PDB file of N, CA and C in Angstrom:
ATOM      1  N   MET A   1     106.376 111.455  66.202  1.00  0.00           N
ATOM      2  CA  MET A   1     107.244 110.909  67.214  1.00  0.00           C
ATOM      3  C   MET A   1     106.421 109.953  68.084  1.00  0.00           C
ATOM      4  N   THR A   2     107.048 108.902  68.551  1.00  0.00           N
ATOM      5  CA  THR A   2     106.363 107.938  69.415  1.00  0.00           C
ATOM      6  C   THR A   2     107.177 107.704  70.678  1.00  0.00           C
ATOM      7  N   ARG A   3     106.546 107.096  71.648  1.00  0.00           N
ATOM      8  CA  ARG A   3     107.197 106.735  72.901  1.00  0.00           C
ATOM      9  C   ARG A   3     106.713 105.343  73.268  1.00  0.00           C
ATOM     10  N   LYS A   4     107.640 104.477  73.642  1.00  0.00           N
ATOM     11  CA  LYS A   4     107.246 103.148  74.125  1.00  0.00           C
ATOM     12  C   LYS A   4     106.845 103.281  75.588  1.00  0.00           C
ATOM     13  N   VAL A   5     105.701 102.718  75.912  1.00  0.00           N
ATOM     14  CA  VAL A   5     105.162 102.794  77.266  1.00  0.00           C
ATOM     15  C   VAL A   5     104.944 101.376  77.769  1.00  0.00           C
ATOM     16  N   LYS A   6     105.460 101.074  78.939  1.00  0.00           N
ATOM     17  CA  LYS A   6     105.219  99.760  79.536  1.00  0.00           C
ATOM     18  C   LYS A   6     103.863  99.790  80.233  1.00  0.00           C
ATOM     19  N   LEU A   7     103.064  98.769  79.952  1.00  0.00           N
ATOM     20  CA  LEU A   7     101.711  98.690  80.483  1.00  0.00           C
ATOM     21  C   LEU A   7     101.539  97.426  81.310  1.00  0.00           C
ATOM     22  N   ILE A   8     100.747  97.532  82.344  1.00  0.00           N
ATOM     23  CA  ILE A   8     100.328  96.375  83.132  1.00  0.00           C
ATOM     24  C   ILE A   8      98.873  96.104  82.769  1.00  0.00           C
ATOM     25  N   VAL A   9      98.549  94.853  82.484  1.00  0.00           N
ATOM     26  CA  VAL A   9      97.166  94.454  82.222  1.00  0.00           C
ATOM     27  C   VAL A   9      96.824  93.370  83.239  1.00  0.00           C
ATOM     28  N   GLU A  10      95.802  93.627  84.032  1.00  0.00           N
ATOM     29  CA  GLU A  10      95.383  92.684  85.071  1.00  0.00           C
ATOM     30  C   GLU A  10      94.036  92.067  84.698  1.00  0.00           C
ATOM     31  N   ARG A  11      93.918  90.760  84.930  1.00  0.00           N
ATOM     32  CA  ARG A  11      92.636  90.082  84.704  1.00  0.00           C
ATOM     33  C   ARG A  11      91.933  89.914  86.044  1.00  0.00           C
ATOM     34  N   HIS A  12      90.686  90.332  86.095  1.00  0.00           N
ATOM     35  CA  HIS A  12      89.859  90.203  87.291  1.00  0.00           C
ATOM     36  C   HIS A  12      88.613  89.406  86.921  1.00  0.00           C
ATOM     37  N   GLU A  13      87.834  89.030  87.919  1.00  0.00           N
ATOM     38  CA  GLU A  13      86.625  88.242  87.658  1.00  0.00           C
ATOM     39  C   GLU A  13      85.670  88.944  86.700  1.00  0.00           C
ATOM     40  N   ASP A  14      85.622  90.271  86.777  1.00  0.00           N
ATOM     41  CA  ASP A  14      84.658  91.014  85.962  1.00  0.00           C
ATOM     42  C   ASP A  14      85.275  91.691  84.743  1.00  0.00           C
ATOM     43  N   GLY A  15      86.505  91.334  84.387  1.00  0.00           N
ATOM     44  CA  GLY A  15      87.129  91.909  83.195  1.00  0.00           C
ATOM     45  C   GLY A  15      88.593  92.235  83.419  1.00  0.00           C
ATOM     46  N   TYR A  16      89.103  93.121  82.609  1.00  0.00           N
ATOM     47  CA  TYR A  16      90.523  93.475  82.627  1.00  0.00           C
ATOM     48  C   TYR A  16      90.689  94.964  82.906  1.00  0.00           C
ATOM     49  N   ILE A  17      91.765  95.314  83.608  1.00  0.00           N
ATOM     50  CA  ILE A  17      92.163  96.709  83.748  1.00  0.00           C
ATOM     51  C   ILE A  17      93.615  96.819  83.300  1.00  0.00           C
ATOM     52  N   ALA A  18      93.973  97.990  82.813  1.00  0.00           N
ATOM     53  CA  ALA A  18      95.332  98.209  82.317  1.00  0.00           C
ATOM     54  C   ALA A  18      95.784  99.608  82.702  1.00  0.00           C
ATOM     55  N   TYR A  19      97.078  99.744  82.971  1.00  0.00           N
ATOM     56  CA  TYR A  19      97.619 101.054  83.329  1.00  0.00           C
ATOM     57  C   TYR A  19      99.099 101.106  82.970  1.00  0.00           C
ATOM     58  N   PRO A  20      99.593 102.307  82.647  1.00  0.00           N
ATOM     59  CA  PRO A  20     101.003 102.458  82.301  1.00  0.00           C
ATOM     60  C   PRO A  20     101.873 102.623  83.541  1.00  0.00           C
ATOM     61  N   LEU A  21     103.141 102.280  83.400  1.00  0.00           N
ATOM     62  CA  LEU A  21     104.133 102.480  84.455  1.00  0.00           C
ATOM     63  C   LEU A  21     104.921 103.754  84.167  1.00  0.00           C
ATOM     64  N   GLY A  22     105.561 104.295  85.207  1.00  0.00           N
ATOM     65  CA  GLY A  22     106.449 105.441  85.028  1.00  0.00           C
ATOM     66  C   GLY A  22     105.760 106.788  84.983  1.00  0.00           C
ATOM     67  N   LEU A  23     104.548 106.870  85.541  1.00  0.00           N
ATOM     68  CA  LEU A  23     103.832 108.142  85.547  1.00  0.00           C
ATOM     69  C   LEU A  23     104.306 109.027  86.693  1.00  0.00           C
ATOM     70  N   ARG A  24     104.185 110.320  86.500  1.00  0.00           N
ATOM     71  CA  ARG A  24     104.489 111.271  87.569  1.00  0.00           C
ATOM     72  C   ARG A  24     103.477 111.099  88.699  1.00  0.00           C
ATOM     73  N   GLU A  25     103.894 111.471  89.893  1.00  0.00           N
ATOM     74  CA  GLU A  25     102.998 111.429  91.042  1.00  0.00           C
ATOM     75  C   GLU A  25     101.780 112.303  90.755  1.00  0.00           C
ATOM     76  N   GLY A  26     100.613 111.792  91.046  1.00  0.00           N
ATOM     77  CA  GLY A  26      99.381 112.534  90.819  1.00  0.00           C
ATOM     78  C   GLY A  26      98.742 112.302  89.461  1.00  0.00           C
ATOM     79  N   VAL A  27      99.427 111.587  88.574  1.00  0.00           N
ATOM     80  CA  VAL A  27      98.875 111.282  87.256  1.00  0.00           C
ATOM     81  C   VAL A  27      98.319 109.862  87.290  1.00  0.00           C
ATOM     82  N   ALA A  28      97.083 109.703  86.876  1.00  0.00           N
ATOM     83  CA  ALA A  28      96.465 108.377  86.838  1.00  0.00           C
ATOM     84  C   ALA A  28      95.860 108.157  85.456  1.00  0.00           C
ATOM     85  N   ILE A  29      96.231 107.060  84.834  1.00  0.00           N
ATOM     86  CA  ILE A  29      95.675 106.673  83.539  1.00  0.00           C
ATOM     87  C   ILE A  29      95.300 105.199  83.651  1.00  0.00           C
ATOM     88  N   VAL A  30      94.042 104.883  83.368  1.00  0.00           N
ATOM     89  CA  VAL A  30      93.565 103.507  83.492  1.00  0.00           C
ATOM     90  C   VAL A  30      92.651 103.196  82.314  1.00  0.00           C
ATOM     91  N   GLY A  31      92.747 101.970  81.829  1.00  0.00           N
ATOM     92  CA  GLY A  31      91.833 101.484  80.810  1.00  0.00           C
ATOM     93  C   GLY A  31      91.174 100.215  81.308  1.00  0.00           C
ATOM     94  N   GLU A  32      90.027  99.886  80.743  1.00  0.00           N
ATOM     95  CA  GLU A  32      89.342  98.662  81.150  1.00  0.00           C
ATOM     96  C   GLU A  32      88.631  98.050  79.960  1.00  0.00           C
ATOM     97  N   GLY A  33      88.274  96.785  80.118  1.00  0.00           N
ATOM     98  CA  GLY A  33      87.547  96.108  79.059  1.00  0.00           C
ATOM     99  C   GLY A  33      87.160  94.709  79.477  1.00  0.00           C
ATOM    100  N   ASP A  34      86.272  94.108  78.702  1.00  0.00           N
ATOM    101  CA  ASP A  34      85.860  92.733  78.970  1.00  0.00           C
ATOM    102  C   ASP A  34      86.935  91.736  78.552  1.00  0.00           C
ATOM    103  N   THR A  35      87.815  92.158  77.641  1.00  0.00           N
ATOM    104  CA  THR A  35      88.894  91.289  77.167  1.00  0.00           C
ATOM    105  C   THR A  35      90.231  92.007  77.317  1.00  0.00           C
ATOM    106  N   TYR A  36      91.307  91.238  77.214  1.00  0.00           N
ATOM    107  CA  TYR A  36      92.663  91.798  77.239  1.00  0.00           C
ATOM    108  C   TYR A  36      92.807  92.858  76.152  1.00  0.00           C
ATOM    109  N   GLU A  37      92.352  92.528  74.958  1.00  0.00           N
ATOM    110  CA  GLU A  37      92.486  93.433  73.817  1.00  0.00           C
ATOM    111  C   GLU A  37      91.722  94.734  74.030  1.00  0.00           C
ATOM    112  N   GLU A  38      90.516  94.642  74.611  1.00  0.00           N
ATOM    113  CA  GLU A  38      89.726  95.847  74.872  1.00  0.00           C
ATOM    114  C   GLU A  38      90.407  96.735  75.905  1.00  0.00           C
ATOM    115  N   ALA A  39      90.933  96.133  76.966  1.00  0.00           N
ATOM    116  CA  ALA A  39      91.623  96.914  78.000  1.00  0.00           C
ATOM    117  C   ALA A  39      92.878  97.567  77.439  1.00  0.00           C
ATOM    118  N   LEU A  40      93.612  96.836  76.620  1.00  0.00           N
ATOM    119  CA  LEU A  40      94.822  97.377  76.003  1.00  0.00           C
ATOM    120  C   LEU A  40      94.485  98.546  75.076  1.00  0.00           C
ATOM    121  N   ALA A  41      93.449  98.391  74.272  1.00  0.00           N
ATOM    122  CA  ALA A  41      93.032  99.473  73.378  1.00  0.00           C
ATOM    123  C   ALA A  41      92.549 100.682  74.179  1.00  0.00           C
ATOM    124  N   ASP A  42      91.829 100.434  75.268  1.00  0.00           N
ATOM    125  CA  ASP A  42      91.295 101.521  76.083  1.00  0.00           C
ATOM    126  C   ASP A  42      92.411 102.304  76.764  1.00  0.00           C
ATOM    127  N   VAL A  43      93.382 101.618  77.351  1.00  0.00           N
ATOM    128  CA  VAL A  43      94.471 102.332  78.026  1.00  0.00           C
ATOM    129  C   VAL A  43      95.357 103.047  77.013  1.00  0.00           C
ATOM    130  N   THR A  44      95.557 102.448  75.846  1.00  0.00           N
ATOM    131  CA  THR A  44      96.344 103.111  74.801  1.00  0.00           C
ATOM    132  C   THR A  44      95.656 104.404  74.374  1.00  0.00           C
ATOM    133  N   SER A  45      94.354 104.356  74.220  1.00  0.00           N
ATOM    134  CA  SER A  45      93.588 105.550  73.876  1.00  0.00           C
ATOM    135  C   SER A  45      93.679 106.597  74.989  1.00  0.00           C
ATOM    136  N   ALA A  46      93.614 106.146  76.240  1.00  0.00           N
ATOM    137  CA  ALA A  46      93.696 107.068  77.376  1.00  0.00           C
ATOM    138  C   ALA A  46      95.069 107.736  77.450  1.00  0.00           C
ATOM    139  N   VAL A  47      96.132 106.983  77.189  1.00  0.00           N
ATOM    140  CA  VAL A  47      97.482 107.558  77.171  1.00  0.00           C
ATOM    141  C   VAL A  47      97.575 108.582  76.045  1.00  0.00           C
ATOM    142  N   ARG A  48      97.091 108.231  74.877  1.00  0.00           N
ATOM    143  CA  ARG A  48      97.127 109.143  73.723  1.00  0.00           C
ATOM    144  C   ARG A  48      96.379 110.439  74.045  1.00  0.00           C
ATOM    145  N   PHE A  49      95.177 110.325  74.616  1.00  0.00           N
ATOM    146  CA  PHE A  49      94.395 111.510  74.971  1.00  0.00           C
ATOM    147  C   PHE A  49      95.143 112.361  75.992  1.00  0.00           C
ATOM    148  N   THR A  50      95.713 111.721  77.009  1.00  0.00           N
ATOM    149  CA  THR A  50      96.442 112.463  78.039  1.00  0.00           C
ATOM    150  C   THR A  50      97.598 113.239  77.433  1.00  0.00           C
ATOM    151  N   LEU A  51      98.320 112.615  76.505  1.00  0.00           N
ATOM    152  CA  LEU A  51      99.459 113.286  75.875  1.00  0.00           C
ATOM    153  C   LEU A  51      99.017 114.373  74.891  1.00  0.00           C
ATOM    154  N   GLU A  52      97.766 114.338  74.461  1.00  0.00           N
ATOM    155  CA  GLU A  52      97.239 115.417  73.617  1.00  0.00           C
ATOM    156  C   GLU A  52      96.836 116.625  74.449  1.00  0.00           C
ATOM    157  N   THR A  53      96.590 116.413  75.746  1.00  0.00           N
ATOM    158  CA  THR A  53      96.111 117.491  76.607  1.00  0.00           C
ATOM    159  C   THR A  53      97.140 117.948  77.631  1.00  0.00           C
ATOM    160  N   ALA A  54      98.256 117.249  77.747  1.00  0.00           N
ATOM    161  CA  ALA A  54      99.323 117.621  78.685  1.00  0.00           C
ATOM    162  C   ALA A  54     100.672 117.333  78.038  1.00  0.00           C
ATOM    163  N   ARG A  55     101.689 118.052  78.479  1.00  0.00           N
ATOM    164  CA  ARG A  55     103.038 117.807  77.958  1.00  0.00           C
ATOM    165  C   ARG A  55     103.545 116.449  78.451  1.00  0.00           C
ATOM    166  N   GLU A  56     104.377 115.835  77.645  1.00  0.00           N
ATOM    167  CA  GLU A  56     104.938 114.521  77.974  1.00  0.00           C
ATOM    168  C   GLU A  56     105.643 114.536  79.328  1.00  0.00           C
ATOM    169  N   ASP A  57     106.413 115.606  79.616  1.00  0.00           N
ATOM    170  CA  ASP A  57     107.144 115.663  80.888  1.00  0.00           C
ATOM    171  C   ASP A  57     106.226 115.927  82.078  1.00  0.00           C
ATOM    172  N   GLU A  58     104.964 116.306  81.826  1.00  0.00           N
ATOM    173  CA  GLU A  58     103.982 116.441  82.899  1.00  0.00           C
ATOM    174  C   GLU A  58     103.318 115.099  83.205  1.00  0.00           C
ATOM    175  N   VAL A  59     103.429 114.166  82.280  1.00  0.00           N
ATOM    176  CA  VAL A  59     102.777 112.858  82.418  1.00  0.00           C
ATOM    177  C   VAL A  59     103.762 111.801  82.902  1.00  0.00           C
ATOM    178  N   PHE A  60     104.904 111.698  82.232  1.00  0.00           N
ATOM    179  CA  PHE A  60     105.881 110.657  82.539  1.00  0.00           C
ATOM    180  C   PHE A  60     107.062 111.216  83.311  1.00  0.00           C
ATOM    181  N   ASP A  61     107.540 110.455  84.266  1.00  0.00           N
ATOM    182  CA  ASP A  61     108.732 110.813  85.030  1.00  0.00           C
ATOM    183  C   ASP A  61     109.872 109.951  84.514  1.00  0.00           C
ATOM    184  N   ASP A  62     110.713 110.521  83.672  1.00  0.00           N
ATOM    185  CA  ASP A  62     111.796 109.748  83.061  1.00  0.00           C
ATOM    186  C   ASP A  62     112.812 109.248  84.081  1.00  0.00           C
ATOM    187  N   GLU A  63     112.856 109.866  85.264  1.00  0.00           N
ATOM    188  CA  GLU A  63     113.740 109.355  86.316  1.00  0.00           C
ATOM    189  C   GLU A  63     113.196 108.052  86.886  1.00  0.00           C
ATOM    190  N   LEU A  64     111.922 107.798  86.682  1.00  0.00           N
ATOM    191  CA  LEU A  64     111.293 106.546  87.127  1.00  0.00           C
ATOM    192  C   LEU A  64     111.194 105.550  85.984  1.00  0.00           C
ATOM    193  N   SER A  65     111.973 105.757  84.957  1.00  0.00           N
ATOM    194  CA  SER A  65     111.915 104.915  83.766  1.00  0.00           C
ATOM    195  C   SER A  65     111.976 103.436  84.142  1.00  0.00           C
ATOM    196  N   VAL A  66     110.972 102.701  83.729  1.00  0.00           N
ATOM    197  CA  VAL A  66     110.882 101.276  84.034  1.00  0.00           C
ATOM    198  C   VAL A  66     111.549 100.502  82.905  1.00  0.00           C
ATOM    199  N   LEU A  67     112.623  99.799  83.229  1.00  0.00           N
ATOM    200  CA  LEU A  67     113.323  99.008  82.228  1.00  0.00           C
ATOM    201  C   LEU A  67     112.646  97.665  82.009  1.00  0.00           C
ATOM    202  N   GLU A  68     112.112  97.105  83.086  1.00  0.00           N
ATOM    203  CA  GLU A  68     111.478  95.793  83.010  1.00  0.00           C
ATOM    204  C   GLU A  68     110.477  95.686  84.146  1.00  0.00           C
ATOM    205  N   ALA A  69     109.375  95.009  83.921  1.00  0.00           N
ATOM    206  CA  ALA A  69     108.380  94.770  84.954  1.00  0.00           C
ATOM    207  C   ALA A  69     108.174  93.264  85.079  1.00  0.00           C
ATOM    208  N   VAL A  70     108.188  92.776  86.295  1.00  0.00           N
ATOM    209  CA  VAL A  70     108.038  91.345  86.554  1.00  0.00           C
ATOM    210  C   VAL A  70     106.917  91.159  87.572  1.00  0.00           C
ATOM    211  N   VAL A  71     106.044  90.222  87.318  1.00  0.00           N
ATOM    212  CA  VAL A  71     105.006  89.868  88.276  1.00  0.00           C
ATOM    213  C   VAL A  71     105.386  88.532  88.879  1.00  0.00           C
ATOM    214  N   THR A  72     105.379  88.460  90.190  1.00  0.00           N
ATOM    215  CA  THR A  72     105.740  87.225  90.877  1.00  0.00           C
ATOM    216  C   THR A  72     104.848  87.061  92.096  1.00  0.00           C
ATOM    217  N   GLU A  73     104.994  85.962  92.793  1.00  0.00           N
ATOM    218  CA  GLU A  73     104.212  85.708  93.998  1.00  0.00           C
ATOM    219  C   GLU A  73     105.142  85.394  95.151  1.00  0.00           C
ATOM    220  N   ALA A  74     104.699  85.723  96.346  1.00  0.00           N
ATOM    221  CA  ALA A  74     105.426  85.376  97.563  1.00  0.00           C
ATOM    222  C   ALA A  74     104.399  85.013  98.623  1.00  0.00           C
ATOM    223  N   GLU A  75     104.723  84.029  99.439  1.00  0.00           N
ATOM    224  CA  GLU A  75     103.832  83.673 100.539  1.00  0.00           C
ATOM    225  C   GLU A  75     104.183  84.519 101.743  1.00  0.00           C
ATOM    226  N   VAL A  76     103.148  85.088 102.353  1.00  0.00           N
ATOM    227  CA  VAL A  76     103.343  85.916 103.538  1.00  0.00           C
ATOM    228  C   VAL A  76     102.382  85.441 104.619  1.00  0.00           C
ATOM    229  N   PRO A  77     102.793  85.518 105.867  1.00  0.00           N
ATOM    230  CA  PRO A  77     101.903  85.085 106.942  1.00  0.00           C
ATOM    231  C   PRO A  77     100.734  86.057 107.098  1.00  0.00           C
ATOM    232  N   VAL A  78      99.565  85.510 107.381  1.00  0.00           N
ATOM    233  CA  VAL A  78      98.378  86.335 107.617  1.00  0.00           C
ATOM    234  C   VAL A  78      97.750  85.923 108.935  1.00  0.00           C
ATOM    235  N   GLY A  79      96.933  86.771 109.473  1.00  0.00           N
ATOM    236  CA  GLY A  79      96.249  86.453 110.716  1.00  0.00           C
ATOM    237  C   GLY A  79      97.125  86.576 111.946  1.00  0.00           C
ATOM    238  N   ILE A  80      98.240  87.260 111.822  1.00  0.00           N
ATOM    239  CA  ILE A  80      99.125  87.459 112.969  1.00  0.00           C
ATOM    240  C   ILE A  80      98.558  88.583 113.819  1.00  0.00           C
ATOM    241  N   LYS A  81      98.451  88.335 115.110  1.00  0.00           N
ATOM    242  CA  LYS A  81      97.910  89.348 116.005  1.00  0.00           C
ATOM    243  C   LYS A  81      99.005  90.345 116.365  1.00  0.00           C
ATOM    244  N   VAL A  82      98.662  91.601 116.216  1.00  0.00           N
ATOM    245  CA  VAL A  82      99.591  92.671 116.556  1.00  0.00           C
ATOM    246  C   VAL A  82      99.372  93.020 118.019  1.00  0.00           C
ATOM    247  N   PRO A  83     100.453  93.023 118.805  1.00  0.00           N
ATOM    248  CA  PRO A  83     100.294  93.365 120.227  1.00  0.00           C
ATOM    249  C   PRO A  83      99.783  94.797 120.381  1.00  0.00           C
ATOM    250  N   GLY A  84      98.949  94.990 121.359  1.00  0.00           N
ATOM    251  CA  GLY A  84      98.511  96.362 121.549  1.00  0.00           C
ATOM    252  C   GLY A  84      97.474  96.522 122.508  1.00  0.00           C
TER     253      GLY A  84
END
């Protein structure tokens, strides 16, 4: 049996990190690598290992099922002084 998992892969100056969406609170799974492919393989392996050591319903929260993930940008003001 398989499960489709939505993953986020981020590129940083020093490499890539990847993590799945829809995890239960308190569950953290992260992969990393020098390339996109390495990070993807690492997080896939980490998800597989986690599911070998914990039940699926202990890892994923199906009520938080992510149908689609979108990355976008928004401009926000910075440097605003908070009264106090």
